[in-house]
Amino acid sequence: MRISRLENGHSTPALPELLRLAEVLEASLDELALGAPPERSLPQLQELEELASPEECAVLGRLLRILLAGFRLTRPRAGEEEGRHDHP
């Protein structure tokens, strides 16, 4: 029901919802907001697209998303102390 309300413009998504939608849809926030992919900002990405097949680029994109997800999991959440460790 929530997705339907968002799709029909009856509700505005919060940032956490936008981030989750972007993840699930494998889209950037720019794509969600503007409807078009952002311009490439790294020349290495353009070079990779010229050298690799579309299938190889897709695999590398998935690997990058996995690496980013792992990186995010290792970072303290907002409001948490960076050096704090919970001990049983």
PDB file of N, CA and C in Angstrom:
ATOM      1  N   MET A   1       0.816  -1.185   0.000  1.00  0.00           N
ATOM      2  CA  MET A   1       0.000   0.000   0.000  1.00  0.00           C
ATOM      3  C   MET A   1       0.870   1.264   0.000  1.00  0.00           C
ATOM      4  N   ARG A   2       1.973   1.231   0.737  1.00  0.00           N
ATOM      5  CA  ARG A   2       2.860   2.388   0.794  1.00  0.00           C
ATOM      6  C   ARG A   2       3.436   2.681  -0.588  1.00  0.00           C
ATOM      7  N   ILE A   3       3.882   1.657  -1.291  1.00  0.00           N
ATOM      8  CA  ILE A   3       4.447   1.838  -2.629  1.00  0.00           C
ATOM      9  C   ILE A   3       3.407   2.460  -3.555  1.00  0.00           C
ATOM     10  N   SER A   4       2.181   1.999  -3.463  1.00  0.00           N
ATOM     11  CA  SER A   4       1.105   2.540  -4.293  1.00  0.00           C
ATOM     12  C   SER A   4       0.911   4.029  -4.024  1.00  0.00           C
ATOM     13  N   ARG A   5       0.938   4.415  -2.746  1.00  0.00           N
ATOM     14  CA  ARG A   5       0.775   5.833  -2.393  1.00  0.00           C
ATOM     15  C   ARG A   5       1.935   6.662  -2.946  1.00  0.00           C
ATOM     16  N   LEU A   6       3.145   6.100  -2.914  1.00  0.00           N
ATOM     17  CA  LEU A   6       4.306   6.803  -3.469  1.00  0.00           C
ATOM     18  C   LEU A   6       4.191   6.924  -4.984  1.00  0.00           C
ATOM     19  N   GLU A   7       3.824   5.826  -5.623  1.00  0.00           N
ATOM     20  CA  GLU A   7       3.715   5.826  -7.089  1.00  0.00           C
ATOM     21  C   GLU A   7       2.660   6.807  -7.584  1.00  0.00           C
ATOM     22  N   ASN A   8       1.572   6.942  -6.847  1.00  0.00           N
ATOM     23  CA  ASN A   8       0.477   7.817  -7.257  1.00  0.00           C
ATOM     24  C   ASN A   8       0.638   9.259  -6.786  1.00  0.00           C
ATOM     25  N   GLY A   9       1.733   9.557  -6.111  1.00  0.00           N
ATOM     26  CA  GLY A   9       1.987  10.916  -5.668  1.00  0.00           C
ATOM     27  C   GLY A   9       1.179  11.345  -4.457  1.00  0.00           C
ATOM     28  N   HIS A  10       0.617  10.371  -3.734  1.00  0.00           N
ATOM     29  CA  HIS A  10      -0.174  10.690  -2.548  1.00  0.00           C
ATOM     30  C   HIS A  10       0.681  10.765  -1.287  1.00  0.00           C
ATOM     31  N   SER A  11       1.955  10.428  -1.421  1.00  0.00           N
ATOM     32  CA  SER A  11       2.859  10.447  -0.285  1.00  0.00           C
ATOM     33  C   SER A  11       4.257  10.780  -0.791  1.00  0.00           C
ATOM     34  N   THR A  12       5.045  11.401   0.059  1.00  0.00           N
ATOM     35  CA  THR A  12       6.428  11.744  -0.270  1.00  0.00           C
ATOM     36  C   THR A  12       7.354  10.815   0.507  1.00  0.00           C
ATOM     37  N   PRO A  13       8.300  10.177  -0.185  1.00  0.00           N
ATOM     38  CA  PRO A  13       9.192   9.256   0.520  1.00  0.00           C
ATOM     39  C   PRO A  13      10.207   9.986   1.384  1.00  0.00           C
ATOM     40  N   ALA A  14      10.520   9.392   2.514  1.00  0.00           N
ATOM     41  CA  ALA A  14      11.587   9.900   3.375  1.00  0.00           C
ATOM     42  C   ALA A  14      12.921   9.432   2.795  1.00  0.00           C
ATOM     43  N   LEU A  15      14.006  10.058   3.196  1.00  0.00           N
ATOM     44  CA  LEU A  15      15.325   9.715   2.678  1.00  0.00           C
ATOM     45  C   LEU A  15      15.648   8.229   2.853  1.00  0.00           C
ATOM     46  N   PRO A  16      15.393   7.616   4.016  1.00  0.00           N
ATOM     47  CA  PRO A  16      15.680   6.180   4.137  1.00  0.00           C
ATOM     48  C   PRO A  16      14.900   5.332   3.121  1.00  0.00           C
ATOM     49  N   GLU A  17      13.666   5.738   2.825  1.00  0.00           N
ATOM     50  CA  GLU A  17      12.883   5.029   1.811  1.00  0.00           C
ATOM     51  C   GLU A  17      13.501   5.201   0.427  1.00  0.00           C
ATOM     52  N   LEU A  18      13.939   6.413   0.114  1.00  0.00           N
ATOM     53  CA  LEU A  18      14.582   6.660  -1.176  1.00  0.00           C
ATOM     54  C   LEU A  18      15.852   5.834  -1.329  1.00  0.00           C
ATOM     55  N   LEU A  19      16.634   5.763  -0.267  1.00  0.00           N
ATOM     56  CA  LEU A  19      17.867   4.981  -0.314  1.00  0.00           C
ATOM     57  C   LEU A  19      17.575   3.503  -0.533  1.00  0.00           C
ATOM     58  N   ARG A  20      16.563   2.991   0.152  1.00  0.00           N
ATOM     59  CA  ARG A  20      16.183   1.576  -0.007  1.00  0.00           C
ATOM     60  C   ARG A  20      15.638   1.325  -1.410  1.00  0.00           C
ATOM     61  N   LEU A  21      14.801   2.222  -1.922  1.00  0.00           N
ATOM     62  CA  LEU A  21      14.279   2.080  -3.280  1.00  0.00           C
ATOM     63  C   LEU A  21      15.412   2.094  -4.302  1.00  0.00           C
ATOM     64  N   ALA A  22      16.356   2.997  -4.126  1.00  0.00           N
ATOM     65  CA  ALA A  22      17.492   3.063  -5.038  1.00  0.00           C
ATOM     66  C   ALA A  22      18.272   1.754  -5.020  1.00  0.00           C
ATOM     67  N   GLU A  23      18.454   1.194  -3.830  1.00  0.00           N
ATOM     68  CA  GLU A  23      19.177  -0.071  -3.708  1.00  0.00           C
ATOM     69  C   GLU A  23      18.425  -1.205  -4.408  1.00  0.00           C
ATOM     70  N   VAL A  24      17.144  -1.317  -4.129  1.00  0.00           N
ATOM     71  CA  VAL A  24      16.335  -2.399  -4.698  1.00  0.00           C
ATOM     72  C   VAL A  24      16.233  -2.271  -6.217  1.00  0.00           C
ATOM     73  N   LEU A  25      16.078  -1.055  -6.697  1.00  0.00           N
ATOM     74  CA  LEU A  25      15.926  -0.820  -8.128  1.00  0.00           C
ATOM     75  C   LEU A  25      17.270  -0.716  -8.859  1.00  0.00           C
ATOM     76  N   GLU A  26      18.360  -0.789  -8.081  1.00  0.00           N
ATOM     77  CA  GLU A  26      19.704  -0.635  -8.633  1.00  0.00           C
ATOM     78  C   GLU A  26      19.796   0.664  -9.445  1.00  0.00           C
ATOM     79  N   ALA A  27      19.331   1.728  -8.813  1.00  0.00           N
ATOM     80  CA  ALA A  27      19.326   3.050  -9.438  1.00  0.00           C
ATOM     81  C   ALA A  27      19.988   4.036  -8.486  1.00  0.00           C
ATOM     82  N   SER A  28      20.402   5.159  -9.028  1.00  0.00           N
ATOM     83  CA  SER A  28      20.955   6.212  -8.183  1.00  0.00           C
ATOM     84  C   SER A  28      19.815   7.115  -7.706  1.00  0.00           C
ATOM     85  N   LEU A  29      20.108   7.921  -6.708  1.00  0.00           N
ATOM     86  CA  LEU A  29      19.108   8.890  -6.256  1.00  0.00           C
ATOM     87  C   LEU A  29      18.796   9.877  -7.374  1.00  0.00           C
ATOM     88  N   ASP A  30      19.802  10.216  -8.186  1.00  0.00           N
ATOM     89  CA  ASP A  30      19.576  11.082  -9.342  1.00  0.00           C
ATOM     90  C   ASP A  30      18.552  10.471 -10.285  1.00  0.00           C
ATOM     91  N   GLU A  31      18.696   9.174 -10.539  1.00  0.00           N
ATOM     92  CA  GLU A  31      17.757   8.512 -11.438  1.00  0.00           C
ATOM     93  C   GLU A  31      16.341   8.521 -10.869  1.00  0.00           C
ATOM     94  N   LEU A  32      16.226   8.314  -9.558  1.00  0.00           N
ATOM     95  CA  LEU A  32      14.896   8.333  -8.940  1.00  0.00           C
ATOM     96  C   LEU A  32      14.280   9.724  -9.008  1.00  0.00           C
ATOM     97  N   ALA A  33      15.090  10.737  -8.763  1.00  0.00           N
ATOM     98  CA  ALA A  33      14.562  12.099  -8.718  1.00  0.00           C
ATOM     99  C   ALA A  33      14.403  12.714 -10.103  1.00  0.00           C
ATOM    100  N   LEU A  34      15.355  12.436 -10.989  1.00  0.00           N
ATOM    101  CA  LEU A  34      15.379  13.111 -12.287  1.00  0.00           C
ATOM    102  C   LEU A  34      14.965  12.226 -13.454  1.00  0.00           C
ATOM    103  N   GLY A  35      14.965  10.914 -13.224  1.00  0.00           N
ATOM    104  CA  GLY A  35      14.564   9.993 -14.270  1.00  0.00           C
ATOM    105  C   GLY A  35      15.628   9.686 -15.300  1.00  0.00           C
ATOM    106  N   ALA A  36      16.837  10.158 -15.101  1.00  0.00           N
ATOM    107  CA  ALA A  36      17.911   9.888 -16.049  1.00  0.00           C
ATOM    108  C   ALA A  36      19.186   9.569 -15.288  1.00  0.00           C
ATOM    109  N   PRO A  37      20.008   8.696 -15.826  1.00  0.00           N
ATOM    110  CA  PRO A  37      21.268   8.399 -15.147  1.00  0.00           C
ATOM    111  C   PRO A  37      22.171   9.629 -15.107  1.00  0.00           C
ATOM    112  N   PRO A  38      22.946   9.780 -14.019  1.00  0.00           N
ATOM    113  CA  PRO A  38      23.863  10.912 -13.947  1.00  0.00           C
ATOM    114  C   PRO A  38      25.005  10.743 -14.934  1.00  0.00           C
ATOM    115  N   GLU A  39      25.622  11.863 -15.275  1.00  0.00           N
ATOM    116  CA  GLU A  39      26.796  11.791 -16.135  1.00  0.00           C
ATOM    117  C   GLU A  39      27.917  11.104 -15.383  1.00  0.00           C
ATOM    118  N   ARG A  40      28.741  10.408 -16.125  1.00  0.00           N
ATOM    119  CA  ARG A  40      29.885   9.726 -15.510  1.00  0.00           C
ATOM    120  C   ARG A  40      30.867  10.764 -14.983  1.00  0.00           C
ATOM    121  N   SER A  41      31.262  10.615 -13.727  1.00  0.00           N
ATOM    122  CA  SER A  41      32.183  11.580 -13.149  1.00  0.00           C
ATOM    123  C   SER A  41      33.605  11.047 -13.098  1.00  0.00           C
ATOM    124  N   LEU A  42      33.772   9.736 -13.275  1.00  0.00           N
ATOM    125  CA  LEU A  42      35.106   9.161 -13.237  1.00  0.00           C
ATOM    126  C   LEU A  42      35.526   8.701 -14.621  1.00  0.00           C
ATOM    127  N   PRO A  43      36.648   9.190 -15.126  1.00  0.00           N
ATOM    128  CA  PRO A  43      37.091   8.750 -16.452  1.00  0.00           C
ATOM    129  C   PRO A  43      37.356   7.249 -16.493  1.00  0.00           C
ATOM    130  N   GLN A  44      37.675   6.660 -15.341  1.00  0.00           N
ATOM    131  CA  GLN A  44      37.933   5.223 -15.293  1.00  0.00           C
ATOM    132  C   GLN A  44      36.676   4.424 -15.652  1.00  0.00           C
ATOM    133  N   LEU A  45      35.494   4.932 -15.272  1.00  0.00           N
ATOM    134  CA  LEU A  45      34.255   4.236 -15.614  1.00  0.00           C
ATOM    135  C   LEU A  45      34.025   4.244 -17.116  1.00  0.00           C
ATOM    136  N   GLN A  46      34.279   5.358 -17.742  1.00  0.00           N
ATOM    137  CA  GLN A  46      34.110   5.449 -19.192  1.00  0.00           C
ATOM    138  C   GLN A  46      35.112   4.532 -19.886  1.00  0.00           C
ATOM    139  N   GLU A  47      36.333   4.510 -19.403  1.00  0.00           N
ATOM    140  CA  GLU A  47      37.359   3.632 -19.980  1.00  0.00           C
ATOM    141  C   GLU A  47      36.958   2.170 -19.822  1.00  0.00           C
ATOM    142  N   LEU A  48      36.433   1.820 -18.649  1.00  0.00           N
ATOM    143  CA  LEU A  48      35.983   0.453 -18.408  1.00  0.00           C
ATOM    144  C   LEU A  48      34.872   0.072 -19.381  1.00  0.00           C
ATOM    145  N   GLU A  49      33.926   0.979 -19.601  1.00  0.00           N
ATOM    146  CA  GLU A  49      32.835   0.694 -20.527  1.00  0.00           C
ATOM    147  C   GLU A  49      33.341   0.481 -21.951  1.00  0.00           C
ATOM    148  N   GLU A  50      34.439   1.144 -22.297  1.00  0.00           N
ATOM    149  CA  GLU A  50      35.007   0.978 -23.638  1.00  0.00           C
ATOM    150  C   GLU A  50      35.750  -0.351 -23.771  1.00  0.00           C
ATOM    151  N   LEU A  51      36.315  -0.847 -22.672  1.00  0.00           N
ATOM    152  CA  LEU A  51      37.133  -2.062 -22.718  1.00  0.00           C
ATOM    153  C   LEU A  51      36.336  -3.337 -22.435  1.00  0.00           C
ATOM    154  N   ALA A  52      35.351  -3.241 -21.568  1.00  0.00           N
ATOM    155  CA  ALA A  52      34.631  -4.432 -21.118  1.00  0.00           C
ATOM    156  C   ALA A  52      33.305  -4.582 -21.860  1.00  0.00           C
ATOM    157  N   SER A  53      32.827  -5.802 -21.899  1.00  0.00           N
ATOM    158  CA  SER A  53      31.522  -6.065 -22.501  1.00  0.00           C
ATOM    159  C   SER A  53      30.431  -5.573 -21.552  1.00  0.00           C
ATOM    160  N   PRO A  54      29.209  -5.382 -22.031  1.00  0.00           N
ATOM    161  CA  PRO A  54      28.108  -4.983 -21.140  1.00  0.00           C
ATOM    162  C   PRO A  54      27.907  -5.975 -19.990  1.00  0.00           C
ATOM    163  N   GLU A  55      28.089  -7.257 -20.278  1.00  0.00           N
ATOM    164  CA  GLU A  55      27.934  -8.276 -19.224  1.00  0.00           C
ATOM    165  C   GLU A  55      29.006  -8.117 -18.150  1.00  0.00           C
ATOM    166  N   GLU A  56      30.244  -7.857 -18.584  1.00  0.00           N
ATOM    167  CA  GLU A  56      31.332  -7.659 -17.622  1.00  0.00           C
ATOM    168  C   GLU A  56      31.099  -6.401 -16.795  1.00  0.00           C
ATOM    169  N   CYS A  57      30.613  -5.340 -17.425  1.00  0.00           N
ATOM    170  CA  CYS A  57      30.297  -4.110 -16.686  1.00  0.00           C
ATOM    171  C   CYS A  57      29.194  -4.365 -15.662  1.00  0.00           C
ATOM    172  N   ALA A  58      28.199  -5.156 -16.028  1.00  0.00           N
ATOM    173  CA  ALA A  58      27.110  -5.465 -15.096  1.00  0.00           C
ATOM    174  C   ALA A  58      27.632  -6.240 -13.894  1.00  0.00           C
ATOM    175  N   VAL A  59      28.511  -7.203 -14.128  1.00  0.00           N
ATOM    176  CA  VAL A  59      29.091  -7.987 -13.028  1.00  0.00           C
ATOM    177  C   VAL A  59      29.924  -7.082 -12.136  1.00  0.00           C
ATOM    178  N   LEU A  60      30.736  -6.230 -12.738  1.00  0.00           N
ATOM    179  CA  LEU A  60      31.567  -5.307 -11.950  1.00  0.00           C
ATOM    180  C   LEU A  60      30.702  -4.329 -11.154  1.00  0.00           C
ATOM    181  N   GLY A  61      29.588  -3.901 -11.739  1.00  0.00           N
ATOM    182  CA  GLY A  61      28.667  -3.028 -11.016  1.00  0.00           C
ATOM    183  C   GLY A  61      28.083  -3.715  -9.795  1.00  0.00           C
ATOM    184  N   ARG A  62      27.702  -4.982  -9.955  1.00  0.00           N
ATOM    185  CA  ARG A  62      27.162  -5.747  -8.809  1.00  0.00           C
ATOM    186  C   ARG A  62      28.228  -5.904  -7.724  1.00  0.00           C
ATOM    187  N   LEU A  63      29.462  -6.208  -8.141  1.00  0.00           N
ATOM    188  CA  LEU A  63      30.548  -6.347  -7.167  1.00  0.00           C
ATOM    189  C   LEU A  63      30.790  -5.041  -6.416  1.00  0.00           C
ATOM    190  N   LEU A  64      30.729  -3.933  -7.126  1.00  0.00           N
ATOM    191  CA  LEU A  64      30.907  -2.637  -6.483  1.00  0.00           C
ATOM    192  C   LEU A  64      29.806  -2.384  -5.456  1.00  0.00           C
ATOM    193  N   ARG A  65      28.554  -2.721  -5.798  1.00  0.00           N
ATOM    194  CA  ARG A  65      27.457  -2.548  -4.841  1.00  0.00           C
ATOM    195  C   ARG A  65      27.657  -3.413  -3.605  1.00  0.00           C
ATOM    196  N   ILE A  66      28.169  -4.632  -3.788  1.00  0.00           N
ATOM    197  CA  ILE A  66      28.443  -5.517  -2.648  1.00  0.00           C
ATOM    198  C   ILE A  66      29.536  -4.924  -1.779  1.00  0.00           C
ATOM    199  N   LEU A  67      30.599  -4.431  -2.408  1.00  0.00           N
ATOM    200  CA  LEU A  67      31.692  -3.804  -1.650  1.00  0.00           C
ATOM    201  C   LEU A  67      31.197  -2.584  -0.881  1.00  0.00           C
ATOM    202  N   LEU A  68      30.379  -1.770  -1.515  1.00  0.00           N
ATOM    203  CA  LEU A  68      29.843  -0.584  -0.841  1.00  0.00           C
ATOM    204  C   LEU A  68      28.951  -0.970   0.331  1.00  0.00           C
ATOM    205  N   ALA A  69      28.131  -2.001   0.150  1.00  0.00           N
ATOM    206  CA  ALA A  69      27.260  -2.453   1.242  1.00  0.00           C
ATOM    207  C   ALA A  69      28.109  -2.924   2.421  1.00  0.00           C
ATOM    208  N   GLY A  70      29.158  -3.676   2.147  1.00  0.00           N
ATOM    209  CA  GLY A  70      30.051  -4.130   3.213  1.00  0.00           C
ATOM    210  C   GLY A  70      30.753  -2.972   3.888  1.00  0.00           C
ATOM    211  N   PHE A  71      31.164  -2.000   3.107  1.00  0.00           N
ATOM    212  CA  PHE A  71      31.821  -0.816   3.650  1.00  0.00           C
ATOM    213  C   PHE A  71      30.870  -0.067   4.581  1.00  0.00           C
ATOM    214  N   ARG A  72      29.617   0.089   4.155  1.00  0.00           N
ATOM    215  CA  ARG A  72      28.632   0.788   4.988  1.00  0.00           C
ATOM    216  C   ARG A  72      28.402   0.057   6.306  1.00  0.00           C
ATOM    217  N   LEU A  73      28.413  -1.269   6.259  1.00  0.00           N
ATOM    218  CA  LEU A  73      28.174  -2.049   7.476  1.00  0.00           C
ATOM    219  C   LEU A  73      29.308  -1.901   8.483  1.00  0.00           C
ATOM    220  N   THR A  74      30.494  -1.570   8.017  1.00  0.00           N
ATOM    221  CA  THR A  74      31.630  -1.449   8.929  1.00  0.00           C
ATOM    222  C   THR A  74      31.758  -0.056   9.530  1.00  0.00           C
ATOM    223  N   ARG A  75      30.964   0.879   9.056  1.00  0.00           N
ATOM    224  CA  ARG A  75      31.004   2.251   9.559  1.00  0.00           C
ATOM    225  C   ARG A  75      30.023   2.413  10.705  1.00  0.00           C
ATOM    226  N   PRO A  76      30.396   3.212  11.712  1.00  0.00           N
ATOM    227  CA  PRO A  76      29.435   3.471  12.793  1.00  0.00           C
ATOM    228  C   PRO A  76      28.239   4.248  12.259  1.00  0.00           C
ATOM    229  N   ARG A  77      27.096   3.963  12.815  1.00  0.00           N
ATOM    230  CA  ARG A  77      25.883   4.682  12.425  1.00  0.00           C
ATOM    231  C   ARG A  77      25.890   6.061  13.053  1.00  0.00           C
ATOM    232  N   ALA A  78      25.101   6.953  12.486  1.00  0.00           N
ATOM    233  CA  ALA A  78      25.005   8.314  13.004  1.00  0.00           C
ATOM    234  C   ALA A  78      24.622   8.271  14.483  1.00  0.00           C
ATOM    235  N   GLY A  79      25.344   8.999  15.294  1.00  0.00           N
ATOM    236  CA  GLY A  79      25.055   9.050  16.714  1.00  0.00           C
ATOM    237  C   GLY A  79      25.821   8.025  17.532  1.00  0.00           C
ATOM    238  N   GLU A  80      26.413   7.033  16.882  1.00  0.00           N
ATOM    239  CA  GLU A  80      27.199   6.037  17.613  1.00  0.00           C
ATOM    240  C   GLU A  80      28.624   6.531  17.745  1.00  0.00           C
ATOM    241  N   GLU A  81      29.242   6.169  18.841  1.00  0.00           N
ATOM    242  CA  GLU A  81      30.640   6.544  19.036  1.00  0.00           C
ATOM    243  C   GLU A  81      31.507   5.622  18.198  1.00  0.00           C
ATOM    244  N   GLU A  82      32.503   6.208  17.532  1.00  0.00           N
ATOM    245  CA  GLU A  82      33.339   5.417  16.628  1.00  0.00           C
ATOM    246  C   GLU A  82      34.155   4.359  17.367  1.00  0.00           C
ATOM    247  N   GLY A  83      34.634   4.655  18.540  1.00  0.00           N
ATOM    248  CA  GLY A  83      35.484   3.719  19.254  1.00  0.00           C
ATOM    249  C   GLY A  83      34.739   2.784  20.189  1.00  0.00           C
ATOM    250  N   ARG A  84      33.417   2.892  20.251  1.00  0.00           N
ATOM    251  CA  ARG A  84      32.634   2.110  21.203  1.00  0.00           C
ATOM    252  C   ARG A  84      32.485   0.675  20.736  1.00  0.00           C
ATOM    253  N   HIS A  85      32.698  -0.255  21.638  1.00  0.00           N
ATOM    254  CA  HIS A  85      32.498  -1.672  21.346  1.00  0.00           C
ATOM    255  C   HIS A  85      31.613  -2.236  22.437  1.00  0.00           C
ATOM    256  N   ASP A  86      30.585  -2.965  22.041  1.00  0.00           N
ATOM    257  CA  ASP A  86      29.719  -3.607  23.031  1.00  0.00           C
ATOM    258  C   ASP A  86      30.335  -4.941  23.416  1.00  0.00           C
ATOM    259  N   HIS A  87      30.443  -5.154  24.699  1.00  0.00           N
ATOM    260  CA  HIS A  87      30.977  -6.419  25.208  1.00  0.00           C
ATOM    261  C   HIS A  87      29.901  -7.089  26.039  1.00  0.00           C
ATOM    262  N   PRO A  88      29.739  -8.398  25.863  1.00  0.00           N
ATOM    263  CA  PRO A  88      28.704  -9.098  26.660  1.00  0.00           C
ATOM    264  C   PRO A  88      29.046  -9.141  28.123  1.00  0.00           C
TER     265      PRO A  88
END
